[in-house]
Amino acid sequence: PEDCDTAHISQPEVAGARLREQLGPGVEFEFVWIGPYG
């Protein structure tokens, strides 16, 4: 959303929850980088 909290959406637990929602709870991954873009 345009009015999102950029710090919140970039937190690892928030980004990780999006990935789990997309690919399933058992997906195994590691982050290389997370960041907002506008």
Full PDB file with SEQRES, HELIX, SHEET, SSBOND, CRYST1, ORIGX, SCALE, CONECT and MASTER records, all heavy atoms in Angstrom:
SEQRES   1 A   38  PRO GLU ASP CYS ASP THR ALA HIS ILE SER GLN PRO GLU          
SEQRES   2 A   38  VAL ALA GLY ALA ARG LEU ARG GLU GLN LEU GLY PRO GLY          
SEQRES   3 A   38  VAL GLU PHE GLU PHE VAL TRP ILE GLY PRO TYR GLY              
HELIX    1 AA1 THR A    6  ILE A    9  1                                   4    
HELIX    2 AA2 PRO A   12  LEU A   23  1                                  12    
CRYST1    1.000    1.000    1.000  90.00  90.00  90.00 P 1           1          
ORIGX1      1.000000  0.000000  0.000000        0.00000                         
ORIGX2      0.000000  1.000000  0.000000        0.00000                         
ORIGX3      0.000000  0.000000  1.000000        0.00000                         
SCALE1      1.000000  0.000000  0.000000        0.00000                         
SCALE2      0.000000  1.000000  0.000000        0.00000                         
SCALE3      0.000000  0.000000  1.000000        0.00000                         
ATOM      1  N   PRO A   1       0.840  -1.207   0.000  1.00  0.00           N  
ATOM      2  CA  PRO A   1       0.000   0.000   0.000  1.00  0.00           C  
ATOM      3  C   PRO A   1       0.872   1.253   0.000  1.00  0.00           C  
ATOM      4  O   PRO A   1       1.967   1.266   0.565  1.00  0.00           O  
ATOM      5  CB  PRO A   1      -0.791  -0.113   1.312  1.00  0.00           C  
ATOM      6  CG  PRO A   1      -0.687  -1.551   1.718  1.00  0.00           C  
ATOM      7  CD  PRO A   1       0.625  -2.043   1.194  1.00  0.00           C  
ATOM      8  N   GLU A   2       0.356   2.306  -0.612  1.00  0.00           N  
ATOM      9  CA  GLU A   2       1.136   3.543  -0.699  1.00  0.00           C  
ATOM     10  C   GLU A   2       1.447   4.117   0.679  1.00  0.00           C  
ATOM     11  O   GLU A   2       2.502   4.716   0.895  1.00  0.00           O  
ATOM     12  CB  GLU A   2       0.379   4.581  -1.533  1.00  0.00           C  
ATOM     13  CG  GLU A   2       1.172   5.852  -1.775  1.00  0.00           C  
ATOM     14  CD  GLU A   2       0.429   6.856  -2.640  1.00  0.00           C  
ATOM     15  OE1 GLU A   2      -0.510   6.446  -3.343  1.00  0.00           O  
ATOM     16  OE2 GLU A   2       0.790   8.047  -2.600  1.00  0.00           O  
ATOM     17  N   ASP A   3       0.553   3.919   1.642  1.00  0.00           N  
ATOM     18  CA  ASP A   3       0.740   4.489   2.973  1.00  0.00           C  
ATOM     19  C   ASP A   3       1.363   3.504   3.965  1.00  0.00           C  
ATOM     20  O   ASP A   3       1.257   3.679   5.177  1.00  0.00           O  
ATOM     21  CB  ASP A   3      -0.593   4.986   3.530  1.00  0.00           C  
ATOM     22  CG  ASP A   3      -1.629   3.859   3.647  1.00  0.00           C  
ATOM     23  OD1 ASP A   3      -1.350   2.724   3.186  1.00  0.00           O  
ATOM     24  OD2 ASP A   3      -2.720   4.121   4.181  1.00  0.00           O  
ATOM     25  N   CYS A   4       2.031   2.460   3.465  1.00  0.00           N  
ATOM     26  CA  CYS A   4       2.582   1.439   4.351  1.00  0.00           C  
ATOM     27  C   CYS A   4       3.736   1.980   5.193  1.00  0.00           C  
ATOM     28  O   CYS A   4       4.380   2.975   4.839  1.00  0.00           O  
ATOM     29  CB  CYS A   4       3.060   0.228   3.542  1.00  0.00           C  
ATOM     30  SG  CYS A   4       4.485   0.573   2.485  1.00  0.00           S  
ATOM     31  N   ASP A   5       4.004   1.301   6.279  1.00  0.00           N  
ATOM     32  CA  ASP A   5       5.151   1.603   7.135  1.00  0.00           C  
ATOM     33  C   ASP A   5       6.349   0.853   6.558  1.00  0.00           C  
ATOM     34  O   ASP A   5       6.448  -0.375   6.684  1.00  0.00           O  
ATOM     35  CB  ASP A   5       4.841   1.141   8.562  1.00  0.00           C  
ATOM     36  CG  ASP A   5       5.987   1.410   9.529  1.00  0.00           C  
ATOM     37  OD1 ASP A   5       7.138   1.574   9.078  1.00  0.00           O  
ATOM     38  OD2 ASP A   5       5.734   1.432  10.744  1.00  0.00           O  
ATOM     39  N   THR A   6       7.251   1.580   5.912  1.00  0.00           N  
ATOM     40  CA  THR A   6       8.346   0.923   5.180  1.00  0.00           C  
ATOM     41  C   THR A   6       9.272   0.141   6.103  1.00  0.00           C  
ATOM     42  O   THR A   6       9.833  -0.883   5.703  1.00  0.00           O  
ATOM     43  CB  THR A   6       9.154   1.950   4.374  1.00  0.00           C  
ATOM     44  OG1 THR A   6       9.627   2.970   5.249  1.00  0.00           O  
ATOM     45  CG2 THR A   6       8.285   2.575   3.293  1.00  0.00           C  
ATOM     46  N   ALA A   7       9.460   0.620   7.327  1.00  0.00           N  
ATOM     47  CA  ALA A   7      10.306  -0.114   8.275  1.00  0.00           C  
ATOM     48  C   ALA A   7       9.641  -1.434   8.671  1.00  0.00           C  
ATOM     49  O   ALA A   7      10.310  -2.480   8.767  1.00  0.00           O  
ATOM     50  CB  ALA A   7      10.575   0.737   9.501  1.00  0.00           C  
ATOM     51  N   HIS A   8       8.332  -1.402   8.869  1.00  0.00           N  
ATOM     52  CA  HIS A   8       7.618  -2.613   9.288  1.00  0.00           C  
ATOM     53  C   HIS A   8       7.621  -3.672   8.191  1.00  0.00           C  
ATOM     54  O   HIS A   8       7.908  -4.848   8.463  1.00  0.00           O  
ATOM     55  CB  HIS A   8       6.180  -2.251   9.669  1.00  0.00           C  
ATOM     56  CG  HIS A   8       5.326  -3.455   9.978  1.00  0.00           C  
ATOM     57  ND1 HIS A   8       5.449  -4.181  11.143  1.00  0.00           N  
ATOM     58  CD2 HIS A   8       4.340  -4.075   9.245  1.00  0.00           C  
ATOM     59  CE1 HIS A   8       4.582  -5.190  11.135  1.00  0.00           C  
ATOM     60  NE2 HIS A   8       3.899  -5.141  10.001  1.00  0.00           N  
ATOM     61  N   ILE A   9       7.313  -3.289   6.947  1.00  0.00           N  
ATOM     62  CA  ILE A   9       7.200  -4.287   5.861  1.00  0.00           C  
ATOM     63  C   ILE A   9       8.529  -4.943   5.561  1.00  0.00           C  
ATOM     64  O   ILE A   9       8.580  -6.015   4.945  1.00  0.00           O  
ATOM     65  CB  ILE A   9       6.611  -3.670   4.575  1.00  0.00           C  
ATOM     66  CG1 ILE A   9       7.552  -2.599   3.996  1.00  0.00           C  
ATOM     67  CG2 ILE A   9       5.207  -3.120   4.822  1.00  0.00           C  
ATOM     68  CD1 ILE A   9       7.150  -2.094   2.627  1.00  0.00           C  
ATOM     69  N   SER A  10       9.634  -4.308   5.983  1.00  0.00           N  
ATOM     70  CA  SER A  10      10.969  -4.839   5.688  1.00  0.00           C  
ATOM     71  C   SER A  10      11.555  -5.666   6.819  1.00  0.00           C  
ATOM     72  O   SER A  10      12.671  -6.166   6.693  1.00  0.00           O  
ATOM     73  CB  SER A  10      11.920  -3.677   5.372  1.00  0.00           C  
ATOM     74  OG  SER A  10      11.401  -2.866   4.357  1.00  0.00           O  
ATOM     75  N   GLN A  11      10.834  -5.809   7.919  1.00  0.00           N  
ATOM     76  CA  GLN A  11      11.340  -6.622   9.016  1.00  0.00           C  
ATOM     77  C   GLN A  11      11.385  -8.087   8.604  1.00  0.00           C  
ATOM     78  O   GLN A  11      10.487  -8.574   7.918  1.00  0.00           O  
ATOM     79  CB  GLN A  11      10.453  -6.449  10.241  1.00  0.00           C  
ATOM     80  CG  GLN A  11      10.546  -5.074  10.874  1.00  0.00           C  
ATOM     81  CD  GLN A  11       9.571  -4.893  12.020  1.00  0.00           C  
ATOM     82  OE1 GLN A  11       8.836  -5.818  12.373  1.00  0.00           O  
ATOM     83  NE2 GLN A  11       9.554  -3.706  12.601  1.00  0.00           N  
ATOM     84  N   PRO A  12      12.433  -8.818   8.996  1.00  0.00           N  
ATOM     85  CA  PRO A  12      12.568 -10.214   8.567  1.00  0.00           C  
ATOM     86  C   PRO A  12      11.352 -11.073   8.893  1.00  0.00           C  
ATOM     87  O   PRO A  12      10.939 -11.904   8.072  1.00  0.00           O  
ATOM     88  CB  PRO A  12      13.809 -10.691   9.329  1.00  0.00           C  
ATOM     89  CG  PRO A  12      14.604  -9.448   9.568  1.00  0.00           C  
ATOM     90  CD  PRO A  12      13.603  -8.365   9.775  1.00  0.00           C  
ATOM     91  N   GLU A  13      10.747 -10.887  10.075  1.00  0.00           N  
ATOM     92  CA  GLU A  13       9.605 -11.734  10.418  1.00  0.00           C  
ATOM     93  C   GLU A  13       8.392 -11.424   9.538  1.00  0.00           C  
ATOM     94  O   GLU A  13       7.612 -12.320   9.200  1.00  0.00           O  
ATOM     95  CB  GLU A  13       9.249 -11.579  11.893  1.00  0.00           C  
ATOM     96  CG  GLU A  13       8.928 -10.178  12.340  1.00  0.00           C  
ATOM     97  CD  GLU A  13      10.157  -9.413  12.818  1.00  0.00           C  
ATOM     98  OE1 GLU A  13      11.286  -9.815  12.443  1.00  0.00           O  
ATOM     99  OE2 GLU A  13       9.979  -8.442  13.571  1.00  0.00           O  
ATOM    100  N   VAL A  14       8.247 -10.163   9.114  1.00  0.00           N  
ATOM    101  CA  VAL A  14       7.130  -9.797   8.234  1.00  0.00           C  
ATOM    102  C   VAL A  14       7.388 -10.317   6.828  1.00  0.00           C  
ATOM    103  O   VAL A  14       6.511 -10.901   6.188  1.00  0.00           O  
ATOM    104  CB  VAL A  14       6.932  -8.267   8.236  1.00  0.00           C  
ATOM    105  CG1 VAL A  14       5.827  -7.865   7.255  1.00  0.00           C  
ATOM    106  CG2 VAL A  14       6.610  -7.772   9.639  1.00  0.00           C  
ATOM    107  N   ALA A  15       8.609 -10.108   6.317  1.00  0.00           N  
ATOM    108  CA  ALA A  15       8.949 -10.618   4.988  1.00  0.00           C  
ATOM    109  C   ALA A  15       8.903 -12.142   4.964  1.00  0.00           C  
ATOM    110  O   ALA A  15       8.482 -12.756   3.977  1.00  0.00           O  
ATOM    111  CB  ALA A  15      10.342 -10.125   4.584  1.00  0.00           C  
ATOM    112  N   GLY A  16       9.353 -12.782   6.045  1.00  0.00           N  
ATOM    113  CA  GLY A  16       9.312 -14.231   6.126  1.00  0.00           C  
ATOM    114  C   GLY A  16       7.901 -14.768   6.118  1.00  0.00           C  
ATOM    115  O   GLY A  16       7.611 -15.796   5.487  1.00  0.00           O  
ATOM    116  N   ALA A  17       6.997 -14.068   6.792  1.00  0.00           N  
ATOM    117  CA  ALA A  17       5.594 -14.503   6.798  1.00  0.00           C  
ATOM    118  C   ALA A  17       5.001 -14.437   5.389  1.00  0.00           C  
ATOM    119  O   ALA A  17       4.211 -15.307   4.999  1.00  0.00           O  
ATOM    120  CB  ALA A  17       4.794 -13.631   7.759  1.00  0.00           C  
ATOM    121  N   ARG A  18       5.376 -13.415   4.617  1.00  0.00           N  
ATOM    122  CA  ARG A  18       4.892 -13.324   3.235  1.00  0.00           C  
ATOM    123  C   ARG A  18       5.375 -14.512   2.411  1.00  0.00           C  
ATOM    124  O   ARG A  18       4.638 -15.098   1.619  1.00  0.00           O  
ATOM    125  CB  ARG A  18       5.369 -12.011   2.590  1.00  0.00           C  
ATOM    126  CG  ARG A  18       4.544 -10.794   2.919  1.00  0.00           C  
ATOM    127  CD  ARG A  18       4.872  -9.641   1.996  1.00  0.00           C  
ATOM    128  NE  ARG A  18       6.247  -9.204   2.118  1.00  0.00           N  
ATOM    129  CZ  ARG A  18       6.661  -8.223   2.928  1.00  0.00           C  
ATOM    130  NH1 ARG A  18       5.779  -7.590   3.687  1.00  0.00           N  
ATOM    131  NH2 ARG A  18       7.928  -7.876   2.972  1.00  0.00           N  
ATOM    132  N   LEU A  19       6.650 -14.877   2.593  1.00  0.00           N  
ATOM    133  CA  LEU A  19       7.204 -16.010   1.853  1.00  0.00           C  
ATOM    134  C   LEU A  19       6.515 -17.317   2.235  1.00  0.00           C  
ATOM    135  O   LEU A  19       6.228 -18.160   1.377  1.00  0.00           O  
ATOM    136  CB  LEU A  19       8.708 -16.119   2.109  1.00  0.00           C  
ATOM    137  CG  LEU A  19       9.622 -15.265   1.227  1.00  0.00           C  
ATOM    138  CD1 LEU A  19      11.038 -15.297   1.763  1.00  0.00           C  
ATOM    139  CD2 LEU A  19       9.592 -15.771  -0.212  1.00  0.00           C  
ATOM    140  N   ARG A  20       6.278 -17.506   3.527  1.00  0.00           N  
ATOM    141  CA  ARG A  20       5.584 -18.716   3.975  1.00  0.00           C  
ATOM    142  C   ARG A  20       4.173 -18.775   3.380  1.00  0.00           C  
ATOM    143  O   ARG A  20       3.698 -19.829   2.974  1.00  0.00           O  
ATOM    144  CB  ARG A  20       5.487 -18.720   5.494  1.00  0.00           C  
ATOM    145  CG  ARG A  20       6.836 -18.711   6.205  1.00  0.00           C  
ATOM    146  CD  ARG A  20       7.307 -20.121   6.517  1.00  0.00           C  
ATOM    147  NE  ARG A  20       8.436 -20.119   7.434  1.00  0.00           N  
ATOM    148  CZ  ARG A  20       9.641 -20.570   7.127  1.00  0.00           C  
ATOM    149  NH1 ARG A  20       9.890 -21.050   5.920  1.00  0.00           N  
ATOM    150  NH2 ARG A  20      10.616 -20.575   8.019  1.00  0.00           N  
ATOM    151  N   GLU A  21       3.509 -17.630   3.336  1.00  0.00           N  
ATOM    152  CA  GLU A  21       2.173 -17.566   2.764  1.00  0.00           C  
ATOM    153  C   GLU A  21       2.201 -17.915   1.274  1.00  0.00           C  
ATOM    154  O   GLU A  21       1.313 -18.585   0.755  1.00  0.00           O  
ATOM    155  CB  GLU A  21       1.599 -16.158   2.968  1.00  0.00           C  
ATOM    156  CG  GLU A  21       0.174 -15.980   2.503  1.00  0.00           C  
ATOM    157  CD  GLU A  21      -0.849 -16.650   3.404  1.00  0.00           C  
ATOM    158  OE1 GLU A  21      -0.501 -16.977   4.559  1.00  0.00           O  
ATOM    159  OE2 GLU A  21      -1.993 -16.840   2.941  1.00  0.00           O  
ATOM    160  N   GLN A  22       3.261 -17.473   0.598  1.00  0.00           N  
ATOM    161  CA  GLN A  22       3.367 -17.695  -0.839  1.00  0.00           C  
ATOM    162  C   GLN A  22       3.748 -19.135  -1.167  1.00  0.00           C  
ATOM    163  O   GLN A  22       3.166 -19.750  -2.067  1.00  0.00           O  
ATOM    164  CB  GLN A  22       4.415 -16.744  -1.440  1.00  0.00           C  
ATOM    165  CG  GLN A  22       4.669 -16.965  -2.933  1.00  0.00           C  
ATOM    166  CD  GLN A  22       5.716 -16.009  -3.478  1.00  0.00           C  
ATOM    167  OE1 GLN A  22       6.121 -15.066  -2.806  1.00  0.00           O  
ATOM    168  NE2 GLN A  22       6.141 -16.240  -4.716  1.00  0.00           N  
ATOM    169  N   LEU A  23       4.740 -19.680  -0.449  1.00  0.00           N  
ATOM    170  CA  LEU A  23       5.360 -20.941  -0.861  1.00  0.00           C  
ATOM    171  C   LEU A  23       5.097 -22.100   0.092  1.00  0.00           C  
ATOM    172  O   LEU A  23       5.555 -23.206  -0.153  1.00  0.00           O  
ATOM    173  CB  LEU A  23       6.869 -20.729  -1.007  1.00  0.00           C  
ATOM    174  CG  LEU A  23       7.273 -19.700  -2.081  1.00  0.00           C  
ATOM    175  CD1 LEU A  23       8.742 -19.363  -1.971  1.00  0.00           C  
ATOM    176  CD2 LEU A  23       6.949 -20.221  -3.481  1.00  0.00           C  
ATOM    177  N   GLY A  24       4.373 -21.847   1.155  1.00  0.00           N  
ATOM    178  CA  GLY A  24       4.048 -22.929   2.083  1.00  0.00           C  
ATOM    179  C   GLY A  24       4.864 -22.848   3.350  1.00  0.00           C  
ATOM    180  O   GLY A  24       5.990 -22.337   3.356  1.00  0.00           O  
ATOM    181  N   PRO A  25       4.347 -23.393   4.435  1.00  0.00           N  
ATOM    182  CA  PRO A  25       5.015 -23.269   5.740  1.00  0.00           C  
ATOM    183  C   PRO A  25       6.343 -24.020   5.824  1.00  0.00           C  
ATOM    184  O   PRO A  25       7.185 -23.704   6.659  1.00  0.00           O  
ATOM    185  CB  PRO A  25       3.990 -23.837   6.720  1.00  0.00           C  
ATOM    186  CG  PRO A  25       3.119 -24.733   5.886  1.00  0.00           C  
ATOM    187  CD  PRO A  25       3.050 -24.108   4.536  1.00  0.00           C  
ATOM    188  N   GLY A  26       6.549 -25.027   4.964  1.00  0.00           N  
ATOM    189  CA  GLY A  26       7.768 -25.830   5.080  1.00  0.00           C  
ATOM    190  C   GLY A  26       8.911 -25.370   4.204  1.00  0.00           C  
ATOM    191  O   GLY A  26       9.968 -26.008   4.189  1.00  0.00           O  
ATOM    192  N   VAL A  27       8.753 -24.271   3.453  1.00  0.00           N  
ATOM    193  CA  VAL A  27       9.809 -23.838   2.550  1.00  0.00           C  
ATOM    194  C   VAL A  27      11.050 -23.428   3.350  1.00  0.00           C  
ATOM    195  O   VAL A  27      10.963 -22.770   4.371  1.00  0.00           O  
ATOM    196  CB  VAL A  27       9.328 -22.674   1.653  1.00  0.00           C  
ATOM    197  CG1 VAL A  27       8.996 -21.435   2.481  1.00  0.00           C  
ATOM    198  CG2 VAL A  27      10.374 -22.344   0.599  1.00  0.00           C  
ATOM    199  N   GLU A  28      12.216 -23.860   2.869  1.00  0.00           N  
ATOM    200  CA  GLU A  28      13.478 -23.552   3.543  1.00  0.00           C  
ATOM    201  C   GLU A  28      14.217 -22.487   2.743  1.00  0.00           C  
ATOM    202  O   GLU A  28      14.431 -22.647   1.531  1.00  0.00           O  
ATOM    203  CB  GLU A  28      14.337 -24.811   3.667  1.00  0.00           C  
ATOM    204  CG  GLU A  28      13.700 -25.901   4.532  1.00  0.00           C  
ATOM    205  CD  GLU A  28      14.618 -27.112   4.671  1.00  0.00           C  
ATOM    206  OE1 GLU A  28      15.655 -26.977   5.360  1.00  0.00           O  
ATOM    207  OE2 GLU A  28      14.305 -28.159   4.085  1.00  0.00           O  
ATOM    208  N   PHE A  29      14.617 -21.418   3.411  1.00  0.00           N  
ATOM    209  CA  PHE A  29      15.248 -20.298   2.702  1.00  0.00           C  
ATOM    210  C   PHE A  29      16.113 -19.499   3.670  1.00  0.00           C  
ATOM    211  O   PHE A  29      16.019 -19.644   4.891  1.00  0.00           O  
ATOM    212  CB  PHE A  29      14.194 -19.382   2.078  1.00  0.00           C  
ATOM    213  CG  PHE A  29      13.292 -18.721   3.079  1.00  0.00           C  
ATOM    214  CD1 PHE A  29      13.635 -17.499   3.642  1.00  0.00           C  
ATOM    215  CD2 PHE A  29      12.100 -19.318   3.475  1.00  0.00           C  
ATOM    216  CE1 PHE A  29      12.820 -16.878   4.572  1.00  0.00           C  
ATOM    217  CE2 PHE A  29      11.271 -18.705   4.408  1.00  0.00           C  
ATOM    218  CZ  PHE A  29      11.635 -17.481   4.958  1.00  0.00           C  
ATOM    219  N   GLU A  30      16.962 -18.651   3.077  1.00  0.00           N  
ATOM    220  CA  GLU A  30      17.689 -17.653   3.841  1.00  0.00           C  
ATOM    221  C   GLU A  30      17.620 -16.332   3.084  1.00  0.00           C  
ATOM    222  O   GLU A  30      17.636 -16.317   1.845  1.00  0.00           O  
ATOM    223  CB  GLU A  30      19.149 -18.065   4.075  1.00  0.00           C  
ATOM    224  CG  GLU A  30      19.959 -18.245   2.811  1.00  0.00           C  
ATOM    225  CD  GLU A  30      21.412 -18.643   3.095  1.00  0.00           C  
ATOM    226  OE1 GLU A  30      21.756 -18.827   4.275  1.00  0.00           O  
ATOM    227  OE2 GLU A  30      22.174 -18.772   2.124  1.00  0.00           O  
ATOM    228  N   PHE A  31      17.506 -15.251   3.814  1.00  0.00           N  
ATOM    229  CA  PHE A  31      17.463 -13.934   3.200  1.00  0.00           C  
ATOM    230  C   PHE A  31      18.871 -13.488   2.822  1.00  0.00           C  
ATOM    231  O   PHE A  31      19.834 -13.724   3.554  1.00  0.00           O  
ATOM    232  CB  PHE A  31      16.859 -12.907   4.155  1.00  0.00           C  
ATOM    233  CG  PHE A  31      15.359 -12.997   4.286  1.00  0.00           C  
ATOM    234  CD1 PHE A  31      14.782 -13.217   5.523  1.00  0.00           C  
ATOM    235  CD2 PHE A  31      14.547 -12.853   3.180  1.00  0.00           C  
ATOM    236  CE1 PHE A  31      13.406 -13.282   5.662  1.00  0.00           C  
ATOM    237  CE2 PHE A  31      13.168 -12.925   3.299  1.00  0.00           C  
ATOM    238  CZ  PHE A  31      12.591 -13.142   4.537  1.00  0.00           C  
ATOM    239  N   VAL A  32      18.965 -12.844   1.668  1.00  0.00           N  
ATOM    240  CA  VAL A  32      20.192 -12.159   1.273  1.00  0.00           C  
ATOM    241  C   VAL A  32      20.063 -10.668   1.562  1.00  0.00           C  
ATOM    242  O   VAL A  32      21.010 -10.018   2.014  1.00  0.00           O  
ATOM    243  CB  VAL A  32      20.485 -12.400  -0.224  1.00  0.00           C  
ATOM    244  CG1 VAL A  32      21.720 -11.628  -0.674  1.00  0.00           C  
ATOM    245  CG2 VAL A  32      20.663 -13.892  -0.487  1.00  0.00           C  
ATOM    246  N   TRP A  33      18.863 -10.142   1.315  1.00  0.00           N  
ATOM    247  CA  TRP A  33      18.632  -8.717   1.549  1.00  0.00           C  
ATOM    248  C   TRP A  33      17.139  -8.477   1.542  1.00  0.00           C  
ATOM    249  O   TRP A  33      16.386  -9.118   0.803  1.00  0.00           O  
ATOM    250  CB  TRP A  33      19.297  -7.889   0.447  1.00  0.00           C  
ATOM    251  CG  TRP A  33      19.225  -6.401   0.657  1.00  0.00           C  
ATOM    252  CD1 TRP A  33      20.050  -5.630   1.421  1.00  0.00           C  
ATOM    253  CD2 TRP A  33      18.264  -5.497   0.089  1.00  0.00           C  
ATOM    254  NE1 TRP A  33      19.665  -4.317   1.368  1.00  0.00           N  
ATOM    255  CE2 TRP A  33      18.573  -4.202   0.556  1.00  0.00           C  
ATOM    256  CE3 TRP A  33      17.170  -5.662  -0.764  1.00  0.00           C  
ATOM    257  CZ2 TRP A  33      17.833  -3.087   0.192  1.00  0.00           C  
ATOM    258  CZ3 TRP A  33      16.431  -4.547  -1.124  1.00  0.00           C  
ATOM    259  CH2 TRP A  33      16.765  -3.277  -0.647  1.00  0.00           C  
ATOM    260  N   ILE A  34      16.663  -7.565   2.383  1.00  0.00           N  
ATOM    261  CA  ILE A  34      15.265  -7.142   2.395  1.00  0.00           C  
ATOM    262  C   ILE A  34      15.253  -5.624   2.443  1.00  0.00           C  
ATOM    263  O   ILE A  34      16.039  -5.022   3.195  1.00  0.00           O  
ATOM    264  CB  ILE A  34      14.494  -7.664   3.638  1.00  0.00           C  
ATOM    265  CG1 ILE A  34      14.716  -9.158   3.837  1.00  0.00           C  
ATOM    266  CG2 ILE A  34      13.001  -7.359   3.525  1.00  0.00           C  
ATOM    267  CD1 ILE A  34      14.222  -9.654   5.197  1.00  0.00           C  
ATOM    268  N   GLY A  35      14.390  -5.009   1.670  1.00  0.00           N  
ATOM    269  CA  GLY A  35      14.328  -3.554   1.735  1.00  0.00           C  
ATOM    270  C   GLY A  35      13.131  -2.984   1.023  1.00  0.00           C  
ATOM    271  O   GLY A  35      12.617  -3.574   0.058  1.00  0.00           O  
ATOM    272  N   PRO A  36      12.649  -1.814   1.478  1.00  0.00           N  
ATOM    273  CA  PRO A  36      11.546  -1.146   0.796  1.00  0.00           C  
ATOM    274  C   PRO A  36      12.038  -0.447  -0.467  1.00  0.00           C  
ATOM    275  O   PRO A  36      13.221  -0.083  -0.578  1.00  0.00           O  
ATOM    276  CB  PRO A  36      11.073  -0.128   1.831  1.00  0.00           C  
ATOM    277  CG  PRO A  36      12.304   0.204   2.615  1.00  0.00           C  
ATOM    278  CD  PRO A  36      13.117  -1.059   2.649  1.00  0.00           C  
ATOM    279  N   TYR A  37      11.142  -0.258  -1.386  1.00  0.00           N  
ATOM    280  CA  TYR A  37      11.464   0.436  -2.625  1.00  0.00           C  
ATOM    281  C   TYR A  37      10.278   1.317  -2.982  1.00  0.00           C  
ATOM    282  O   TYR A  37       9.129   0.861  -2.962  1.00  0.00           O  
ATOM    283  CB  TYR A  37      11.729  -0.569  -3.748  1.00  0.00           C  
ATOM    284  CG  TYR A  37      11.811   0.052  -5.137  1.00  0.00           C  
ATOM    285  CD1 TYR A  37      12.884   0.868  -5.480  1.00  0.00           C  
ATOM    286  CD2 TYR A  37      10.817  -0.166  -6.091  1.00  0.00           C  
ATOM    287  CE1 TYR A  37      12.963   1.441  -6.744  1.00  0.00           C  
ATOM    288  CE2 TYR A  37      10.900   0.401  -7.356  1.00  0.00           C  
ATOM    289  CZ  TYR A  37      11.968   1.201  -7.676  1.00  0.00           C  
ATOM    290  OH  TYR A  37      12.032   1.768  -8.927  1.00  0.00           O  
ATOM    291  N   GLY A  38      10.535   2.570  -3.248  1.00  0.00           N  
ATOM    292  CA  GLY A  38       9.477   3.479  -3.658  1.00  0.00           C  
ATOM    293  C   GLY A  38       9.994   4.392  -4.752  1.00  0.00           C  
ATOM    294  O   GLY A  38      11.191   4.690  -4.824  1.00  0.00           O  
TER     295      GLY A  38                                                      
MASTER        0    0    0    2    0    0    0    6  294    1    0    3          
END                                                                             
